[in-house]
């Protein structure tokens, strides 16, 4: 079980793979040559919040919360200190793109539903 590393208010952009794919198609079909588009859902969240949302979506035990200072690997510790806010407004306005799953929680719920046999 992956622990939820406490990283303060640092947030990361997330996106469902289907939404990333539809954004790429929209950029190919309607994008301006040379333009850059941030592709992310509408709700950034921390890595720890994402790990907790995965556990909730898949009905697994809540992960332990641990301080980032105990992370032994420098790369992972640096990742936990990253704060990256992306605005997807240009992709929405210029490409006419909208994420089907506006938050990581929505995307995880869809993944969990698809993972259920039957």
Foldseek 3Di string as FASTA:
>chain_A
DDAQEDQDFAWDFAAAPVLVVVLVVLCVVFNDPPDDFDRGAQDIGASSVLQQLLCVLQVHDGHHYDYLVVDPDPVVSVVSNHHDDDDRVCSCVRRVGHGPQRDSSSSSNVVNVVPDDD
